[in-house]
Amino acid sequence: MRKIALCLVHHPVLDRGGTVVTTAVTNLDVHDISRSAHTFGIEDFFVVHPIAAQRELVERIRTHWVDGSGARRIPDRKPAMEIVRIVASLDDVVAALGDAELWTTSAGAGATLGFDEARRRVHEDGRPLLLCFGTGWGLAPELRARATEQLAPIASPRPDGYNHLSVRAAAAIILDRLLGRDG
């Protein structure tokens, strides 16, 4: 099986009108995605933010759960938070991982890779994979253009097609589809 890393991108991402913006870090995203990632054996979860104050916030959250009182009060949280890496850009993630294959996620059109094929490819030998999740209304086109593959969106069974999952819910579902046990 390939090594897999995750990244949560806060810039460049889109707002609801399609403008490229920078979103704020949310404590829940850091906690929940790190816990999902650790559950599925991921060793690196990169939080990407260009603003130093936001990176410092993530570092304070991480330190609280890895070295601070959070680690003593709820020790089960520590191993999940230890995988969090804080960087300024996607280029920093790529540099840290080396020759990784970039797969993006999106709730919209443009998918190049369905989950059955993605699961098969994850379990083959090959280059490390970087699964890239966007905040706001998704990854900006210039970032998606860098991807080797774009995973299919999580399809809603609703007749109206409603599909507005939080990024942390989408990450958990996608990790289960790629790495979870059947049955």
N, C-alpha and C. Protein backbone atom coordinates (compact mmCIF):
# COMPACT_ATOMS: atom_id res chain seq x y z
N MET A 1 0.84 -1.19 0.00
CA MET A 1 0.00 0.00 0.00
C MET A 1 0.88 1.25 0.00
N ARG A 2 0.40 2.26 -0.67
CA ARG A 2 1.13 3.52 -0.75
C ARG A 2 1.04 4.31 0.55
N LYS A 3 2.07 5.11 0.79
CA LYS A 3 2.01 6.08 1.88
C LYS A 3 1.04 7.18 1.47
N ILE A 4 0.19 7.61 2.39
CA ILE A 4 -0.80 8.64 2.11
C ILE A 4 -0.65 9.75 3.14
N ALA A 5 -0.70 10.98 2.67
CA ALA A 5 -0.76 12.15 3.54
C ALA A 5 -1.99 12.96 3.15
N LEU A 6 -2.47 13.75 4.09
CA LEU A 6 -3.61 14.64 3.83
C LEU A 6 -3.15 16.07 3.96
N CYS A 7 -3.83 16.96 3.24
CA CYS A 7 -3.64 18.38 3.51
C CYS A 7 -5.00 19.08 3.45
N LEU A 8 -5.13 20.06 4.33
CA LEU A 8 -6.32 20.90 4.39
C LEU A 8 -5.89 22.30 4.00
N VAL A 9 -6.38 22.77 2.85
CA VAL A 9 -5.94 24.03 2.27
C VAL A 9 -6.90 25.16 2.62
N HIS A 10 -6.34 26.26 3.10
CA HIS A 10 -7.11 27.47 3.41
C HIS A 10 -6.88 28.58 2.37
N HIS A 11 -5.92 28.38 1.47
CA HIS A 11 -5.66 29.31 0.36
C HIS A 11 -4.79 28.59 -0.66
N PRO A 12 -5.12 28.65 -1.91
CA PRO A 12 -6.23 29.34 -2.55
C PRO A 12 -7.50 28.46 -2.57
N VAL A 13 -8.57 29.02 -2.03
CA VAL A 13 -9.88 28.36 -2.05
C VAL A 13 -10.91 29.38 -2.53
N LEU A 14 -12.11 28.88 -2.79
CA LEU A 14 -13.16 29.74 -3.34
C LEU A 14 -14.19 30.12 -2.28
N ASP A 15 -14.79 31.30 -2.47
CA ASP A 15 -15.97 31.65 -1.69
C ASP A 15 -17.19 31.25 -2.50
N ARG A 16 -18.37 31.46 -1.95
CA ARG A 16 -19.60 31.01 -2.63
C ARG A 16 -19.80 31.66 -3.99
N GLY A 17 -19.18 32.82 -4.23
CA GLY A 17 -19.30 33.48 -5.52
C GLY A 17 -18.22 33.08 -6.52
N GLY A 18 -17.30 32.20 -6.10
CA GLY A 18 -16.25 31.75 -7.01
C GLY A 18 -14.99 32.59 -6.98
N THR A 19 -14.89 33.52 -6.04
CA THR A 19 -13.70 34.36 -5.89
C THR A 19 -12.66 33.62 -5.05
N VAL A 20 -11.39 33.73 -5.43
CA VAL A 20 -10.32 33.11 -4.64
C VAL A 20 -10.14 33.91 -3.36
N VAL A 21 -10.17 33.19 -2.22
CA VAL A 21 -10.06 33.80 -0.91
C VAL A 21 -9.16 32.96 -0.02
N THR A 22 -8.94 33.46 1.19
CA THR A 22 -8.26 32.74 2.25
C THR A 22 -9.26 32.57 3.38
N THR A 23 -9.46 31.34 3.85
CA THR A 23 -10.40 31.08 4.93
C THR A 23 -9.67 30.98 6.26
N ALA A 24 -10.42 31.11 7.33
CA ALA A 24 -9.87 31.00 8.68
C ALA A 24 -9.82 29.54 9.12
N VAL A 25 -8.85 29.24 9.96
CA VAL A 25 -8.74 27.92 10.57
C VAL A 25 -9.90 27.72 11.53
N THR A 26 -10.44 26.50 11.56
CA THR A 26 -11.42 26.15 12.58
C THR A 26 -10.85 25.00 13.41
N ASN A 27 -10.99 25.14 14.71
CA ASN A 27 -10.52 24.15 15.66
C ASN A 27 -11.11 22.77 15.34
N LEU A 28 -12.39 22.71 15.02
CA LEU A 28 -13.04 21.43 14.73
C LEU A 28 -12.41 20.72 13.55
N ASP A 29 -12.09 21.45 12.49
CA ASP A 29 -11.47 20.82 11.33
C ASP A 29 -10.14 20.16 11.71
N VAL A 30 -9.31 20.88 12.46
CA VAL A 30 -8.01 20.34 12.85
C VAL A 30 -8.20 19.08 13.68
N HIS A 31 -9.05 19.15 14.69
CA HIS A 31 -9.29 17.99 15.56
C HIS A 31 -9.88 16.81 14.81
N ASP A 32 -10.98 17.06 14.11
CA ASP A 32 -11.71 15.95 13.51
C ASP A 32 -10.95 15.30 12.36
N ILE A 33 -10.31 16.08 11.53
CA ILE A 33 -9.57 15.48 10.41
C ILE A 33 -8.34 14.74 10.93
N SER A 34 -7.66 15.28 11.93
CA SER A 34 -6.50 14.56 12.48
C SER A 34 -6.93 13.23 13.10
N ARG A 35 -8.06 13.22 13.79
CA ARG A 35 -8.55 11.99 14.40
C ARG A 35 -8.96 10.97 13.32
N SER A 36 -9.63 11.42 12.28
CA SER A 36 -9.98 10.51 11.18
C SER A 36 -8.72 9.99 10.51
N ALA A 37 -7.79 10.87 10.24
CA ALA A 37 -6.54 10.47 9.58
C ALA A 37 -5.80 9.43 10.41
N HIS A 38 -5.66 9.69 11.69
CA HIS A 38 -4.94 8.74 12.57
C HIS A 38 -5.67 7.40 12.61
N THR A 39 -6.99 7.42 12.65
CA THR A 39 -7.79 6.20 12.66
C THR A 39 -7.46 5.32 11.46
N PHE A 40 -7.22 5.94 10.30
CA PHE A 40 -6.96 5.19 9.07
C PHE A 40 -5.47 5.03 8.77
N GLY A 41 -4.61 5.33 9.75
CA GLY A 41 -3.18 5.07 9.60
C GLY A 41 -2.39 6.13 8.87
N ILE A 42 -2.97 7.31 8.69
CA ILE A 42 -2.24 8.41 8.04
C ILE A 42 -1.22 8.97 9.04
N GLU A 43 -0.02 9.22 8.57
CA GLU A 43 1.04 9.72 9.45
C GLU A 43 1.30 11.21 9.34
N ASP A 44 0.79 11.85 8.30
CA ASP A 44 1.00 13.30 8.10
C ASP A 44 -0.29 13.96 7.66
N PHE A 45 -0.73 14.94 8.44
CA PHE A 45 -1.88 15.78 8.10
C PHE A 45 -1.40 17.22 8.12
N PHE A 46 -1.30 17.80 6.93
CA PHE A 46 -0.79 19.16 6.77
C PHE A 46 -1.94 20.16 6.79
N VAL A 47 -1.82 21.17 7.60
CA VAL A 47 -2.75 22.30 7.58
C VAL A 47 -2.02 23.43 6.87
N VAL A 48 -2.59 23.87 5.74
CA VAL A 48 -1.94 24.85 4.87
C VAL A 48 -2.61 26.20 5.04
N HIS A 49 -1.83 27.18 5.52
CA HIS A 49 -2.37 28.54 5.69
C HIS A 49 -1.26 29.56 5.46
N PRO A 50 -1.49 30.56 4.60
CA PRO A 50 -0.44 31.53 4.29
C PRO A 50 -0.23 32.60 5.38
N ILE A 51 -1.16 32.73 6.30
CA ILE A 51 -1.08 33.79 7.31
C ILE A 51 -0.43 33.25 8.58
N ALA A 52 0.66 33.90 9.01
CA ALA A 52 1.44 33.42 10.16
C ALA A 52 0.59 33.30 11.42
N ALA A 53 -0.29 34.25 11.68
CA ALA A 53 -1.11 34.20 12.90
C ALA A 53 -2.02 32.97 12.91
N GLN A 54 -2.51 32.56 11.75
CA GLN A 54 -3.35 31.37 11.67
C GLN A 54 -2.51 30.10 11.88
N ARG A 55 -1.30 30.08 11.34
CA ARG A 55 -0.41 28.94 11.58
C ARG A 55 -0.05 28.85 13.06
N GLU A 56 0.16 30.00 13.69
CA GLU A 56 0.46 30.02 15.13
C GLU A 56 -0.73 29.48 15.94
N LEU A 57 -1.95 29.80 15.51
CA LEU A 57 -3.14 29.27 16.18
C LEU A 57 -3.16 27.74 16.11
N VAL A 58 -2.90 27.20 14.95
CA VAL A 58 -2.88 25.74 14.79
C VAL A 58 -1.78 25.15 15.66
N GLU A 59 -0.64 25.79 15.71
CA GLU A 59 0.45 25.30 16.56
C GLU A 59 0.06 25.31 18.03
N ARG A 60 -0.65 26.34 18.48
CA ARG A 60 -1.12 26.39 19.87
C ARG A 60 -2.11 25.26 20.15
N ILE A 61 -3.01 25.02 19.21
CA ILE A 61 -3.98 23.92 19.36
C ILE A 61 -3.22 22.59 19.46
N ARG A 62 -2.30 22.39 18.53
CA ARG A 62 -1.52 21.15 18.51
C ARG A 62 -0.73 20.97 19.81
N THR A 63 -0.04 22.00 20.24
CA THR A 63 0.78 21.93 21.45
C THR A 63 -0.07 21.61 22.68
N HIS A 64 -1.25 22.21 22.76
CA HIS A 64 -2.14 21.94 23.89
C HIS A 64 -2.44 20.44 24.01
N TRP A 65 -2.68 19.79 22.87
CA TRP A 65 -3.08 18.38 22.89
C TRP A 65 -1.89 17.42 22.86
N VAL A 66 -0.72 17.89 22.46
CA VAL A 66 0.45 17.02 22.40
C VAL A 66 1.32 17.16 23.65
N ASP A 67 1.51 18.38 24.15
CA ASP A 67 2.41 18.63 25.28
C ASP A 67 1.72 19.28 26.48
N GLY A 68 0.54 19.82 26.30
CA GLY A 68 -0.11 20.60 27.35
C GLY A 68 -1.10 19.81 28.17
N SER A 69 -1.99 20.56 28.82
CA SER A 69 -2.96 19.93 29.72
C SER A 69 -3.93 19.02 28.97
N GLY A 70 -4.21 19.31 27.71
CA GLY A 70 -5.08 18.43 26.92
C GLY A 70 -4.52 17.03 26.80
N ALA A 71 -3.20 16.92 26.66
CA ALA A 71 -2.55 15.60 26.55
C ALA A 71 -2.70 14.81 27.84
N ARG A 72 -2.74 15.50 28.98
CA ARG A 72 -2.90 14.82 30.27
C ARG A 72 -4.36 14.47 30.53
N ARG A 73 -5.27 15.37 30.14
CA ARG A 73 -6.69 15.14 30.40
C ARG A 73 -7.31 14.11 29.47
N ILE A 74 -6.97 14.18 28.18
CA ILE A 74 -7.55 13.27 27.18
C ILE A 74 -6.39 12.69 26.35
N PRO A 75 -5.68 11.72 26.91
CA PRO A 75 -4.49 11.21 26.23
C PRO A 75 -4.76 10.56 24.87
N ASP A 76 -6.00 10.11 24.63
CA ASP A 76 -6.31 9.52 23.33
C ASP A 76 -6.21 10.52 22.18
N ARG A 77 -6.30 11.80 22.49
CA ARG A 77 -6.23 12.83 21.46
C ARG A 77 -4.79 13.07 21.00
N LYS A 78 -3.82 12.81 21.88
CA LYS A 78 -2.42 13.13 21.60
C LYS A 78 -1.89 12.49 20.31
N PRO A 79 -2.03 11.16 20.11
CA PRO A 79 -1.44 10.58 18.89
C PRO A 79 -2.03 11.15 17.60
N ALA A 80 -3.32 11.50 17.64
CA ALA A 80 -3.94 12.08 16.45
C ALA A 80 -3.40 13.48 16.18
N MET A 81 -3.19 14.25 17.23
CA MET A 81 -2.70 15.62 17.04
C MET A 81 -1.21 15.66 16.71
N GLU A 82 -0.49 14.59 17.04
CA GLU A 82 0.94 14.54 16.72
C GLU A 82 1.20 14.49 15.22
N ILE A 83 0.23 14.07 14.43
CA ILE A 83 0.44 13.98 12.97
C ILE A 83 0.21 15.32 12.27
N VAL A 84 -0.27 16.33 12.99
CA VAL A 84 -0.57 17.64 12.38
C VAL A 84 0.74 18.36 12.07
N ARG A 85 0.85 18.81 10.83
CA ARG A 85 2.00 19.60 10.35
C ARG A 85 1.44 20.93 9.85
N ILE A 86 2.08 22.02 10.20
CA ILE A 86 1.57 23.34 9.83
C ILE A 86 2.54 23.97 8.84
N VAL A 87 2.00 24.35 7.66
CA VAL A 87 2.84 24.91 6.60
C VAL A 87 2.13 26.10 5.95
N ALA A 88 2.89 26.90 5.22
CA ALA A 88 2.36 28.12 4.60
C ALA A 88 1.73 27.89 3.24
N SER A 89 2.15 26.84 2.52
CA SER A 89 1.66 26.67 1.16
C SER A 89 1.67 25.20 0.73
N LEU A 90 0.95 24.93 -0.32
CA LEU A 90 0.97 23.59 -0.89
C LEU A 90 2.38 23.23 -1.35
N ASP A 91 3.15 24.19 -1.83
CA ASP A 91 4.53 23.92 -2.23
C ASP A 91 5.34 23.39 -1.06
N ASP A 92 5.07 23.87 0.16
CA ASP A 92 5.76 23.36 1.35
C ASP A 92 5.41 21.89 1.60
N VAL A 93 4.16 21.54 1.36
CA VAL A 93 3.73 20.15 1.53
C VAL A 93 4.44 19.28 0.51
N VAL A 94 4.44 19.70 -0.74
CA VAL A 94 5.08 18.94 -1.81
C VAL A 94 6.57 18.76 -1.51
N ALA A 95 7.22 19.80 -1.03
CA ALA A 95 8.64 19.71 -0.68
C ALA A 95 8.87 18.71 0.45
N ALA A 96 7.98 18.70 1.42
CA ALA A 96 8.12 17.78 2.56
C ALA A 96 7.92 16.33 2.15
N LEU A 97 7.06 16.09 1.19
CA LEU A 97 6.73 14.71 0.80
C LEU A 97 7.59 14.18 -0.33
N GLY A 98 8.22 15.06 -1.08
CA GLY A 98 9.01 14.60 -2.22
C GLY A 98 8.12 14.33 -3.41
N ASP A 99 8.32 13.20 -4.04
CA ASP A 99 7.66 12.88 -5.29
C ASP A 99 6.26 12.28 -5.06
N ALA A 100 5.36 13.08 -4.51
CA ALA A 100 4.01 12.58 -4.23
C ALA A 100 3.07 12.88 -5.38
N GLU A 101 2.09 12.00 -5.52
CA GLU A 101 1.02 12.19 -6.51
C GLU A 101 -0.11 12.95 -5.81
N LEU A 102 -0.55 14.06 -6.40
CA LEU A 102 -1.56 14.92 -5.79
C LEU A 102 -2.95 14.55 -6.29
N TRP A 103 -3.83 14.20 -5.36
CA TRP A 103 -5.23 13.94 -5.65
C TRP A 103 -6.05 15.00 -4.93
N THR A 104 -6.93 15.66 -5.65
CA THR A 104 -7.79 16.65 -5.04
C THR A 104 -9.19 16.07 -4.85
N THR A 105 -9.95 16.77 -4.04
CA THR A 105 -11.34 16.41 -3.77
C THR A 105 -12.21 17.60 -4.13
N SER A 106 -13.46 17.32 -4.46
CA SER A 106 -14.38 18.40 -4.80
C SER A 106 -15.81 17.88 -4.73
N ALA A 107 -16.71 18.75 -4.31
CA ALA A 107 -18.13 18.40 -4.34
C ALA A 107 -18.72 18.70 -5.71
N GLY A 108 -17.93 19.30 -6.60
CA GLY A 108 -18.43 19.70 -7.91
C GLY A 108 -17.99 18.79 -9.03
N ALA A 109 -18.14 19.28 -10.23
CA ALA A 109 -17.81 18.52 -11.43
C ALA A 109 -16.30 18.45 -11.64
N GLY A 110 -15.90 17.64 -12.59
CA GLY A 110 -14.49 17.57 -12.98
C GLY A 110 -13.76 16.34 -12.48
N ALA A 111 -14.47 15.41 -11.89
CA ALA A 111 -13.83 14.21 -11.35
C ALA A 111 -13.15 13.41 -12.45
N THR A 112 -11.98 12.87 -12.12
CA THR A 112 -11.26 12.01 -13.04
C THR A 112 -11.10 10.60 -12.49
N LEU A 113 -11.45 10.40 -11.21
CA LEU A 113 -11.17 9.13 -10.57
C LEU A 113 -12.31 8.73 -9.63
N GLY A 114 -12.96 7.62 -9.94
CA GLY A 114 -14.00 7.08 -9.07
C GLY A 114 -13.40 6.37 -7.86
N PHE A 115 -14.21 6.13 -6.85
CA PHE A 115 -13.72 5.57 -5.61
C PHE A 115 -13.26 4.12 -5.74
N ASP A 116 -13.92 3.31 -6.55
CA ASP A 116 -13.47 1.92 -6.70
C ASP A 116 -12.06 1.85 -7.28
N GLU A 117 -11.83 2.62 -8.33
CA GLU A 117 -10.50 2.65 -8.94
C GLU A 117 -9.49 3.29 -7.98
N ALA A 118 -9.88 4.35 -7.29
CA ALA A 118 -8.98 5.01 -6.34
C ALA A 118 -8.57 4.04 -5.23
N ARG A 119 -9.53 3.29 -4.70
CA ARG A 119 -9.22 2.32 -3.65
C ARG A 119 -8.23 1.27 -4.16
N ARG A 120 -8.45 0.80 -5.37
CA ARG A 120 -7.52 -0.18 -5.94
C ARG A 120 -6.12 0.41 -6.05
N ARG A 121 -6.03 1.64 -6.54
CA ARG A 121 -4.72 2.28 -6.73
C ARG A 121 -4.02 2.61 -5.42
N VAL A 122 -4.79 2.94 -4.39
CA VAL A 122 -4.21 3.21 -3.06
C VAL A 122 -3.50 1.96 -2.54
N HIS A 123 -4.05 0.80 -2.84
CA HIS A 123 -3.50 -0.44 -2.30
C HIS A 123 -2.40 -1.05 -3.17
N GLU A 124 -2.03 -0.39 -4.25
CA GLU A 124 -0.91 -0.82 -5.08
C GLU A 124 0.37 -0.17 -4.56
N ASP A 125 1.50 -0.68 -4.99
CA ASP A 125 2.76 0.00 -4.73
C ASP A 125 2.84 1.22 -5.65
N GLY A 126 3.54 2.23 -5.22
CA GLY A 126 3.71 3.41 -6.05
C GLY A 126 4.13 4.62 -5.25
N ARG A 127 4.14 5.74 -5.94
CA ARG A 127 4.52 7.00 -5.31
C ARG A 127 3.58 7.31 -4.15
N PRO A 128 4.06 8.06 -3.15
CA PRO A 128 3.16 8.49 -2.08
C PRO A 128 2.01 9.32 -2.66
N LEU A 129 0.89 9.32 -1.94
CA LEU A 129 -0.28 10.10 -2.35
C LEU A 129 -0.52 11.23 -1.37
N LEU A 130 -0.89 12.37 -1.90
CA LEU A 130 -1.32 13.50 -1.10
C LEU A 130 -2.77 13.78 -1.45
N LEU A 131 -3.67 13.56 -0.48
CA LEU A 131 -5.09 13.87 -0.66
C LEU A 131 -5.32 15.28 -0.17
N CYS A 132 -5.79 16.12 -1.05
CA CYS A 132 -5.90 17.55 -0.77
C CYS A 132 -7.37 17.95 -0.64
N PHE A 133 -7.73 18.50 0.51
CA PHE A 133 -9.09 18.96 0.79
C PHE A 133 -9.09 20.48 0.88
N GLY A 134 -10.15 21.10 0.38
CA GLY A 134 -10.26 22.55 0.43
C GLY A 134 -11.31 22.99 1.44
N THR A 135 -11.09 24.17 1.99
CA THR A 135 -12.07 24.79 2.88
C THR A 135 -12.92 25.74 2.04
N GLY A 136 -13.77 26.52 2.69
CA GLY A 136 -14.64 27.44 1.97
C GLY A 136 -15.56 26.67 1.03
N TRP A 137 -15.57 27.09 -0.22
CA TRP A 137 -16.40 26.43 -1.24
C TRP A 137 -15.55 25.58 -2.18
N GLY A 138 -14.38 25.18 -1.68
CA GLY A 138 -13.54 24.25 -2.43
C GLY A 138 -12.25 24.85 -2.94
N LEU A 139 -11.41 23.98 -3.42
CA LEU A 139 -10.09 24.36 -3.93
C LEU A 139 -10.20 25.23 -5.18
N ALA A 140 -9.32 26.21 -5.26
CA ALA A 140 -9.29 27.10 -6.43
C ALA A 140 -8.85 26.32 -7.67
N PRO A 141 -9.31 26.76 -8.85
CA PRO A 141 -8.95 26.05 -10.09
C PRO A 141 -7.45 25.89 -10.30
N GLU A 142 -6.65 26.90 -9.93
CA GLU A 142 -5.20 26.78 -10.15
C GLU A 142 -4.58 25.68 -9.30
N LEU A 143 -5.16 25.39 -8.16
CA LEU A 143 -4.67 24.29 -7.35
C LEU A 143 -5.16 22.96 -7.91
N ARG A 144 -6.42 22.90 -8.29
CA ARG A 144 -6.95 21.66 -8.88
C ARG A 144 -6.21 21.30 -10.16
N ALA A 145 -5.74 22.30 -10.88
CA ALA A 145 -5.01 22.05 -12.13
C ALA A 145 -3.68 21.35 -11.89
N ARG A 146 -3.16 21.44 -10.69
CA ARG A 146 -1.90 20.78 -10.34
C ARG A 146 -2.07 19.30 -10.04
N ALA A 147 -3.30 18.86 -9.88
CA ALA A 147 -3.58 17.50 -9.44
C ALA A 147 -3.36 16.47 -10.54
N THR A 148 -2.90 15.32 -10.12
CA THR A 148 -2.83 14.16 -11.00
C THR A 148 -4.22 13.61 -11.23
N GLU A 149 -5.02 13.61 -10.16
CA GLU A 149 -6.39 13.08 -10.21
C GLU A 149 -7.30 13.94 -9.34
N GLN A 150 -8.58 13.98 -9.71
CA GLN A 150 -9.60 14.58 -8.85
C GLN A 150 -10.61 13.49 -8.52
N LEU A 151 -10.75 13.22 -7.23
CA LEU A 151 -11.69 12.19 -6.80
C LEU A 151 -13.12 12.60 -7.10
N ALA A 152 -13.93 11.60 -7.36
CA ALA A 152 -15.36 11.85 -7.59
C ALA A 152 -15.97 12.48 -6.34
N PRO A 153 -16.98 13.32 -6.52
CA PRO A 153 -17.65 13.89 -5.35
C PRO A 153 -18.43 12.82 -4.61
N ILE A 154 -18.69 13.08 -3.35
CA ILE A 154 -19.57 12.22 -2.56
C ILE A 154 -20.99 12.53 -3.02
N ALA A 155 -21.62 11.55 -3.64
CA ALA A 155 -22.93 11.77 -4.24
C ALA A 155 -24.03 11.69 -3.19
N SER A 156 -24.93 12.63 -3.24
CA SER A 156 -26.09 12.65 -2.35
C SER A 156 -27.18 11.75 -2.91
N PRO A 157 -27.82 10.95 -2.05
CA PRO A 157 -28.94 10.14 -2.51
C PRO A 157 -30.26 10.92 -2.56
N ARG A 158 -30.23 12.17 -2.13
CA ARG A 158 -31.44 12.99 -2.09
C ARG A 158 -31.93 13.29 -3.50
N PRO A 159 -33.23 13.32 -3.71
CA PRO A 159 -33.77 13.65 -5.04
C PRO A 159 -33.35 15.03 -5.53
N ASP A 160 -33.13 15.97 -4.60
CA ASP A 160 -32.74 17.32 -5.01
C ASP A 160 -31.22 17.46 -5.15
N GLY A 161 -30.45 16.38 -4.85
CA GLY A 161 -29.00 16.41 -5.01
C GLY A 161 -28.24 17.20 -3.97
N TYR A 162 -28.91 17.63 -2.91
CA TYR A 162 -28.25 18.43 -1.87
C TYR A 162 -26.93 17.77 -1.46
N ASN A 163 -25.85 18.56 -1.48
CA ASN A 163 -24.52 18.05 -1.14
C ASN A 163 -23.71 19.21 -0.56
N HIS A 164 -23.78 19.36 0.74
CA HIS A 164 -23.03 20.43 1.39
C HIS A 164 -22.44 19.93 2.71
N LEU A 165 -21.56 18.92 2.59
CA LEU A 165 -20.91 18.34 3.76
C LEU A 165 -19.81 19.26 4.27
N SER A 166 -19.55 19.21 5.56
CA SER A 166 -18.37 19.89 6.08
C SER A 166 -17.13 19.17 5.54
N VAL A 167 -16.03 19.86 5.49
CA VAL A 167 -14.80 19.25 4.98
C VAL A 167 -14.38 18.10 5.89
N ARG A 168 -14.63 18.22 7.18
CA ARG A 168 -14.25 17.13 8.09
C ARG A 168 -15.11 15.88 7.87
N ALA A 169 -16.40 16.06 7.56
CA ALA A 169 -17.24 14.91 7.25
C ALA A 169 -16.81 14.28 5.93
N ALA A 170 -16.54 15.10 4.93
CA ALA A 170 -16.10 14.58 3.63
C ALA A 170 -14.78 13.83 3.77
N ALA A 171 -13.85 14.35 4.56
CA ALA A 171 -12.56 13.67 4.75
C ALA A 171 -12.77 12.30 5.37
N ALA A 172 -13.63 12.20 6.38
CA ALA A 172 -13.89 10.91 7.03
C ALA A 172 -14.51 9.91 6.06
N ILE A 173 -15.47 10.37 5.27
CA ILE A 173 -16.12 9.48 4.30
C ILE A 173 -15.12 9.00 3.25
N ILE A 174 -14.32 9.91 2.73
CA ILE A 174 -13.35 9.56 1.69
C ILE A 174 -12.29 8.61 2.24
N LEU A 175 -11.80 8.85 3.45
CA LEU A 175 -10.82 7.94 4.04
C LEU A 175 -11.41 6.55 4.22
N ASP A 176 -12.67 6.48 4.64
CA ASP A 176 -13.31 5.17 4.79
C ASP A 176 -13.45 4.48 3.44
N ARG A 177 -13.83 5.22 2.41
CA ARG A 177 -13.99 4.62 1.08
C ARG A 177 -12.66 4.11 0.54
N LEU A 178 -11.57 4.81 0.83
CA LEU A 178 -10.26 4.41 0.30
C LEU A 178 -9.56 3.38 1.16
N LEU A 179 -9.72 3.46 2.48
CA LEU A 179 -8.90 2.65 3.38
C LEU A 179 -9.68 1.77 4.36
N GLY A 180 -11.00 1.97 4.43
CA GLY A 180 -11.80 1.22 5.40
C GLY A 180 -11.93 -0.24 5.04
N ARG A 181 -12.24 -1.01 6.05
CA ARG A 181 -12.49 -2.44 5.84
C ARG A 181 -13.91 -2.63 5.36
N ASP A 182 -14.09 -3.55 4.47
CA ASP A 182 -15.45 -3.90 4.02
C ASP A 182 -16.13 -4.74 5.08
N GLY A 183 -17.42 -4.46 5.29
CA GLY A 183 -18.21 -5.25 6.23
C GLY A 183 -17.87 -4.94 7.59
